[in-house]
Amino acid sequence: ALLCFLTAIIFPPTMSQDYYETLELNWKATDADIKKAYRRLSLKFHPRRNRENDTLEKFTQLGEAYDVLSDPRKKATYEKFGEEGLKGGIPAEFGSGGAWSSKYVYHGDPDKTFREFFGGDNPFADFYSNDAPLQFGGLQPDLVKTRDAPIERDLNLCLDDLFHGCTKKIKISRRVMNDDGHTSSIKDKILSINVKPGWKEGTRIVFSKEGDQGPNSIPADIVFIVRQKTHPQFVRRGNDLVFKAKISLEMALTGFSVDIQTLDGRLLSIPINDIVHPAYKKVLSGEGMPLSQDPSQRGNLIVIFDVQFPDKLSAESKLLIREALAI
């Protein structure tokens, strides 16, 4: 038996399938050549693109050829002992150099090989009606996969986050398909949102196809919508910030200074020497929110005033006010 095996090593048997010839390569092809050839030919002969009668058989041959030649151990056994040695198995001592010593059997699912090769760049991802292996004897009809409606969630942010910008990490749980293409499981994933300075209420952040996976549907987009929390000091109007200062009637008539702590930590002391009437406001240019298109530019800070009138006045106080206001 050993003599027969050694003879087979010296004189390799005729191979029923030449993997290099299947991929239209010679035996000097590099790993890069093998990948390039499989990419080109698998797209050319994929049954969902090519409707000729022998397409599925050719597609299966390509899958097996790539499965062998892309694996260093299988490739080493095939090149040294041929297909017969690869599929029939070789003695363990001949596999010490890294060769594949056990009997090789292709799993028979060229679609699986195709998906594993292309991964997230699968050019047919949106056209699979299911992940079941392609069957000989006729193609399954293509079905149009349905697209689930977007999943919308509020992203509640404080004004400081929208002023400075920040990064928010959000954990989602979604259903993903298992490798068998038929069952699914729930897995967690962290989505990262880079909040840019100046984003406004209603800004939408879209994570494409991050929803639940299913065999007959395209995963939904997950959309986060910015919602601004109420701030204790400022009201936002577009790119402007509005600050309301409560002042007394005396201050409104005689002048005063208002102190404002800005969102970037500065203290503004604003002198008011005018008489503050109901329509009066103070506009500070460039002290508002950053512009999302150009954060170096900012809106305005608008100071409005809430004049607190006294509940009552004595007759003497009224007389003094009349005299003071007499023109």
Protein backbone atom coordinates (compact mmCIF):
# COMPACT_ATOMS: atom_id res chain seq x y z
CA ALA A 1 0.00 0.00 0.00
CA LEU A 2 2.86 2.35 0.85
CA LEU A 3 4.46 1.61 -2.52
CA CYS A 4 1.24 2.49 -4.29
CA PHE A 5 0.98 5.71 -2.32
CA LEU A 6 4.60 6.69 -3.08
CA THR A 7 3.93 5.99 -6.75
CA ALA A 8 0.96 8.31 -6.58
CA ILE A 9 3.22 11.01 -5.13
CA ILE A 10 5.75 10.65 -7.92
CA PHE A 11 3.10 10.33 -10.63
CA PRO A 12 0.06 12.40 -9.54
CA PRO A 13 -3.23 10.96 -10.81
CA THR A 14 -5.31 12.74 -13.41
CA MET A 15 -7.51 15.28 -11.63
CA SER A 16 -11.22 15.48 -12.34
CA GLN A 17 -11.16 19.20 -11.63
CA ASP A 18 -8.16 21.47 -12.04
CA TYR A 19 -8.82 24.23 -9.50
CA TYR A 20 -6.36 26.59 -11.16
CA GLU A 21 -7.93 26.00 -14.56
CA THR A 22 -11.39 26.57 -13.04
CA LEU A 23 -10.24 30.01 -11.90
CA GLU A 24 -8.49 30.58 -15.26
CA LEU A 25 -5.09 30.75 -13.57
CA ASN A 26 -1.76 28.96 -13.81
CA TRP A 27 0.06 27.26 -10.95
CA LYS A 28 2.23 30.32 -10.33
CA ALA A 29 -0.79 32.43 -9.28
CA THR A 30 -0.44 34.40 -6.04
CA ASP A 31 -3.06 34.75 -3.29
CA ALA A 32 -3.98 38.12 -4.74
CA ASP A 33 -4.43 36.55 -8.19
CA ILE A 34 -6.70 33.87 -6.70
CA LYS A 35 -8.89 36.43 -4.96
CA LYS A 36 -9.08 38.64 -8.03
CA ALA A 37 -10.03 35.71 -10.26
CA TYR A 38 -12.72 34.43 -7.90
CA ARG A 39 -14.21 37.91 -7.55
CA ARG A 40 -14.45 38.33 -11.33
CA LEU A 41 -15.73 34.86 -12.17
CA SER A 42 -18.16 34.45 -9.25
CA LEU A 43 -19.86 37.69 -10.25
CA LYS A 44 -19.93 36.59 -13.90
CA PHE A 45 -21.41 33.14 -13.21
CA HIS A 46 -23.61 33.90 -10.22
CA PRO A 47 -27.01 32.26 -10.96
CA ARG A 48 -28.88 35.42 -10.06
CA ARG A 49 -27.02 37.26 -12.80
CA ASN A 50 -26.27 34.55 -15.37
CA ARG A 51 -29.24 32.43 -16.53
CA GLU A 52 -27.42 29.90 -18.73
CA ASN A 53 -28.14 26.22 -18.03
CA ASP A 54 -24.70 25.26 -16.68
CA THR A 55 -24.27 28.40 -14.56
CA LEU A 56 -25.00 26.75 -11.21
CA GLU A 57 -22.54 23.93 -11.84
CA LYS A 58 -19.86 26.43 -12.86
CA PHE A 59 -20.64 28.59 -9.82
CA THR A 60 -20.25 25.54 -7.56
CA GLN A 61 -16.90 24.63 -9.17
CA LEU A 62 -15.67 28.16 -8.59
CA GLY A 63 -16.71 28.00 -4.94
CA GLU A 64 -14.85 24.73 -4.38
CA ALA A 65 -11.76 25.93 -6.24
CA TYR A 66 -11.59 29.10 -4.16
CA ASP A 67 -12.28 27.18 -0.93
CA VAL A 68 -9.21 25.03 -1.60
CA LEU A 69 -6.77 27.53 -3.07
CA SER A 70 -7.51 30.25 -0.52
CA ASP A 71 -6.58 27.91 2.35
CA PRO A 72 -2.77 27.44 2.64
CA ARG A 73 -3.02 23.87 4.05
CA LYS A 74 -5.52 22.61 1.48
CA LYS A 75 -3.60 24.36 -1.28
CA ALA A 76 -0.31 22.75 -0.19
CA THR A 77 -1.85 19.26 -0.22
CA TYR A 78 -3.54 19.83 -3.57
CA GLU A 79 -0.37 21.10 -5.24
CA LYS A 80 1.70 18.18 -3.93
CA PHE A 81 -0.72 15.26 -4.06
CA GLY A 82 -3.47 16.41 -6.43
CA GLU A 83 -7.22 16.25 -5.93
CA GLU A 84 -7.05 12.52 -5.13
CA GLY A 85 -4.63 13.10 -2.26
CA LEU A 86 -6.65 16.08 -1.05
CA LYS A 87 -9.98 14.24 -1.00
CA GLY A 88 -8.65 10.78 -0.18
CA GLY A 89 -6.45 11.90 2.69
CA ILE A 90 -2.69 11.43 3.15
CA PRO A 91 -0.69 9.85 5.98
CA ALA A 92 -0.16 12.21 8.92
CA GLU A 93 3.62 12.22 8.47
CA PHE A 94 3.21 13.87 5.07
CA GLY A 95 1.09 16.61 6.66
CA SER A 96 3.79 17.74 9.07
CA GLY A 97 4.79 20.57 6.76
CA GLY A 98 1.41 22.23 7.11
CA ALA A 99 -0.45 20.20 4.50
CA TRP A 100 -4.07 19.14 4.90
CA SER A 101 -3.87 15.50 5.97
CA SER A 102 -7.54 14.67 6.58
CA LYS A 103 -10.01 13.94 3.79
CA TYR A 104 -11.32 17.14 2.26
CA VAL A 105 -15.00 17.46 1.43
CA TYR A 106 -16.43 20.67 0.04
CA HIS A 107 -19.51 21.77 2.00
CA GLY A 108 -21.44 22.08 -1.25
CA ASP A 109 -22.84 25.58 -0.66
CA PRO A 110 -21.24 27.97 -3.19
CA ASP A 111 -23.57 30.71 -1.99
CA LYS A 112 -21.97 30.48 1.46
CA THR A 113 -18.49 30.78 -0.06
CA PHE A 114 -19.70 33.79 -2.07
CA ARG A 115 -21.15 35.55 1.00
CA GLU A 116 -18.07 34.86 3.12
CA PHE A 117 -15.83 36.27 0.38
CA PHE A 118 -17.74 39.52 -0.12
CA GLY A 119 -18.84 39.96 3.51
CA GLY A 120 -20.42 43.39 4.10
CA ASP A 121 -19.59 44.34 0.48
CA ASN A 122 -21.82 41.59 -0.93
CA PRO A 123 -23.04 43.08 -4.23
CA PHE A 124 -26.25 41.01 -4.11
CA ALA A 125 -27.12 41.77 -0.47
CA ASP A 126 -30.31 43.62 -1.33
CA PHE A 127 -31.52 40.95 -3.75
CA TYR A 128 -31.34 37.73 -1.73
CA SER A 129 -34.79 36.36 -1.14
CA ASN A 130 -33.33 33.91 1.40
CA ASP A 131 -30.00 32.44 2.43
CA ALA A 132 -30.82 28.81 1.56
CA PRO A 133 -28.23 27.03 -0.62
CA LEU A 134 -28.88 27.09 -4.36
CA GLN A 135 -30.23 23.77 -5.59
CA PHE A 136 -29.39 21.86 -8.75
CA GLY A 137 -32.25 21.18 -11.11
CA GLY A 138 -33.59 24.70 -11.45
CA LEU A 139 -33.20 28.11 -9.89
CA GLN A 140 -35.45 29.48 -7.22
CA PRO A 141 -37.35 32.55 -8.46
CA ASP A 142 -36.03 35.88 -7.28
CA LEU A 143 -38.24 37.58 -4.76
CA VAL A 144 -38.17 41.30 -4.09
CA LYS A 145 -37.08 41.79 -0.51
CA THR A 146 -39.19 44.21 1.50
CA ARG A 147 -37.59 47.16 3.25
CA ASP A 148 -38.69 47.68 6.83
CA ALA A 149 -39.79 51.19 7.82
CA PRO A 150 -37.16 53.34 9.58
CA ILE A 151 -36.99 53.01 13.36
CA GLU A 152 -36.99 56.51 14.89
CA ARG A 153 -35.74 57.30 18.38
CA ASP A 154 -35.29 60.62 20.21
CA LEU A 155 -31.77 61.70 21.12
CA ASN A 156 -32.18 64.04 24.09
CA LEU A 157 -29.27 66.46 24.40
CA CYS A 158 -28.65 69.36 26.74
CA LEU A 159 -27.76 72.78 25.36
CA ASP A 160 -24.15 72.39 26.54
CA ASP A 161 -23.77 69.24 24.39
CA LEU A 162 -25.10 71.10 21.37
CA PHE A 163 -22.85 74.08 22.08
CA HIS A 164 -19.57 72.20 22.55
CA GLY A 165 -20.25 68.99 20.62
CA CYS A 166 -19.75 65.55 22.13
CA THR A 167 -19.80 61.82 21.43
CA LYS A 168 -22.75 59.70 22.53
CA LYS A 169 -22.55 55.90 22.76
CA ILE A 170 -25.89 54.14 22.44
CA LYS A 171 -26.36 50.39 22.90
CA ILE A 172 -29.00 48.75 20.76
CA SER A 173 -30.26 45.17 20.73
CA ARG A 174 -31.19 43.76 17.37
CA ARG A 175 -31.97 40.42 15.74
CA VAL A 176 -29.20 39.12 13.46
CA MET A 177 -29.18 36.09 11.17
CA ASN A 178 -26.95 33.19 12.15
CA ASP A 179 -24.44 31.62 9.77
CA ASP A 180 -26.92 28.93 8.76
CA GLY A 181 -29.07 31.62 7.12
CA HIS A 182 -32.29 30.30 8.68
CA THR A 183 -32.17 31.06 12.40
CA SER A 184 -31.49 34.30 14.21
CA SER A 185 -30.38 35.54 17.61
CA ILE A 186 -30.42 38.78 19.59
CA LYS A 187 -27.12 40.64 19.79
CA ASP A 188 -26.10 43.98 21.26
CA LYS A 189 -24.25 46.64 19.32
CA ILE A 190 -22.85 50.05 20.28
CA LEU A 191 -23.66 52.92 17.94
CA SER A 192 -21.46 56.01 18.18
CA ILE A 193 -22.92 59.46 17.44
CA ASN A 194 -20.51 62.36 17.00
CA VAL A 195 -22.60 65.40 17.95
CA LYS A 196 -21.33 68.46 16.10
CA PRO A 197 -21.38 71.93 17.69
CA GLY A 198 -24.45 73.84 16.58
CA TRP A 199 -26.73 70.93 15.74
CA LYS A 200 -30.37 71.98 15.99
CA GLU A 201 -33.56 70.42 17.24
CA GLY A 202 -34.79 67.93 14.66
CA THR A 203 -31.37 66.98 13.25
CA ARG A 204 -31.57 63.37 12.03
CA ILE A 205 -28.73 60.87 12.36
CA VAL A 206 -29.23 57.78 10.20
CA PHE A 207 -27.59 54.39 10.76
CA SER A 208 -28.29 52.49 7.56
CA LYS A 209 -29.64 48.90 7.84
CA GLU A 210 -28.92 48.55 11.56
CA GLY A 211 -32.40 47.23 12.36
CA ASP A 212 -33.48 43.61 12.79
CA GLN A 213 -32.28 41.19 10.13
CA GLY A 214 -34.62 38.69 8.52
CA PRO A 215 -34.36 36.17 5.68
CA ASN A 216 -36.88 37.97 3.50
CA SER A 217 -36.40 41.62 4.39
CA ILE A 218 -33.82 44.38 4.22
CA PRO A 219 -33.01 45.66 7.74
CA ALA A 220 -34.54 49.00 8.63
CA ASP A 221 -32.51 52.16 9.11
CA ILE A 222 -32.23 53.37 12.69
CA VAL A 223 -32.77 57.14 12.89
CA PHE A 224 -31.99 59.28 15.92
CA ILE A 225 -33.71 62.68 16.08
CA VAL A 226 -32.12 65.44 18.16
CA ARG A 227 -34.34 66.77 20.94
CA GLN A 228 -33.03 69.67 23.02
CA LYS A 229 -33.56 69.64 26.76
CA THR A 230 -34.76 72.79 28.52
CA HIS A 231 -31.93 74.99 29.79
CA PRO A 232 -32.32 76.87 33.08
CA GLN A 233 -30.74 80.06 31.75
CA PHE A 234 -31.02 80.30 27.97
CA VAL A 235 -33.71 79.82 25.34
CA ARG A 236 -32.47 78.92 21.89
CA ARG A 237 -33.90 80.57 18.78
CA GLY A 238 -32.12 79.15 15.75
CA ASN A 239 -28.48 80.13 16.19
CA ASP A 240 -29.29 82.82 18.78
CA LEU A 241 -29.50 82.49 22.54
CA VAL A 242 -32.03 84.51 24.55
CA PHE A 243 -31.38 85.48 28.15
CA LYS A 244 -34.13 87.03 30.28
CA ALA A 245 -33.04 89.33 33.11
CA LYS A 246 -35.43 90.31 35.88
CA ILE A 247 -34.93 93.89 37.00
CA SER A 248 -36.75 96.34 39.24
CA LEU A 249 -38.49 99.49 38.06
CA GLU A 250 -35.76 101.51 39.73
CA MET A 251 -33.09 99.68 37.74
CA ALA A 252 -35.06 100.12 34.52
CA LEU A 253 -35.15 103.88 35.06
CA THR A 254 -31.75 104.54 36.56
CA GLY A 255 -29.40 102.05 34.93
CA PHE A 256 -27.64 98.90 36.15
CA SER A 257 -25.29 96.06 35.10
CA VAL A 258 -26.38 92.49 34.29
CA ASP A 259 -24.02 89.51 34.73
CA ILE A 260 -24.37 86.45 32.43
CA GLN A 261 -22.43 83.18 32.73
CA THR A 262 -21.86 81.96 29.15
CA LEU A 263 -21.95 78.31 28.01
CA ASP A 264 -18.20 78.38 27.48
CA GLY A 265 -17.56 79.48 31.07
CA ARG A 266 -17.01 83.23 30.72
CA LEU A 267 -18.70 85.88 32.82
CA LEU A 268 -20.14 88.77 30.85
CA SER A 269 -20.87 91.98 32.74
CA ILE A 270 -23.13 94.13 30.58
CA PRO A 271 -23.75 97.78 31.57
CA ILE A 272 -27.23 99.13 30.80
CA ASN A 273 -27.39 102.94 30.84
CA ASP A 274 -30.55 103.34 28.75
CA ILE A 275 -34.06 103.46 30.12
CA VAL A 276 -35.47 99.94 29.78
CA HIS A 277 -38.91 100.06 28.15
CA PRO A 278 -41.05 96.99 27.27
CA ALA A 279 -39.54 96.60 23.77
CA TYR A 280 -35.95 97.16 24.87
CA LYS A 281 -33.36 94.45 24.27
CA LYS A 282 -29.57 94.21 24.20
CA VAL A 283 -27.94 92.26 21.35
CA LEU A 284 -24.40 90.90 21.78
CA SER A 285 -23.04 89.82 18.41
CA GLY A 286 -21.14 86.50 18.22
CA GLU A 287 -22.13 85.29 21.70
CA GLY A 288 -24.77 82.78 20.60
CA MET A 289 -24.64 79.18 19.34
CA PRO A 290 -21.96 77.92 16.93
CA LEU A 291 -23.11 77.49 13.34
CA SER A 292 -23.09 73.79 12.45
CA GLN A 293 -21.72 74.56 8.96
CA ASP A 294 -18.91 76.68 10.43
CA PRO A 295 -18.45 76.37 14.22
CA SER A 296 -16.01 79.29 14.18
CA GLN A 297 -19.02 81.53 13.49
CA ARG A 298 -21.67 82.08 16.14
CA GLY A 299 -25.11 83.59 16.43
CA ASN A 300 -26.09 86.38 18.82
CA LEU A 301 -26.89 86.59 22.51
CA ILE A 302 -30.11 88.56 22.98
CA VAL A 303 -30.81 89.96 26.43
CA ILE A 304 -34.43 90.85 27.17
CA PHE A 305 -35.72 92.34 30.40
CA ASP A 306 -38.60 91.54 32.70
CA VAL A 307 -39.31 94.71 34.67
CA GLN A 308 -40.78 93.94 38.08
CA PHE A 309 -43.29 96.65 39.05
CA PRO A 310 -44.10 97.25 42.71
CA ASP A 311 -47.44 95.89 43.95
CA LYS A 312 -48.34 99.22 45.61
CA LEU A 313 -46.97 102.67 46.35
CA SER A 314 -47.61 105.06 49.20
CA ALA A 315 -49.03 108.49 48.51
CA GLU A 316 -45.69 110.01 49.39
CA SER A 317 -43.83 107.73 46.96
CA LYS A 318 -46.27 108.56 44.20
CA LEU A 319 -45.76 112.28 44.80
CA LEU A 320 -41.98 111.90 44.66
CA ILE A 321 -42.21 109.90 41.43
CA ARG A 322 -44.45 112.53 39.84
CA GLU A 323 -41.99 115.24 40.78
CA ALA A 324 -39.03 113.18 39.55
CA LEU A 325 -40.70 112.47 36.22
CA ALA A 326 -42.08 115.97 35.69
CA ILE A 327 -40.66 117.53 32.59
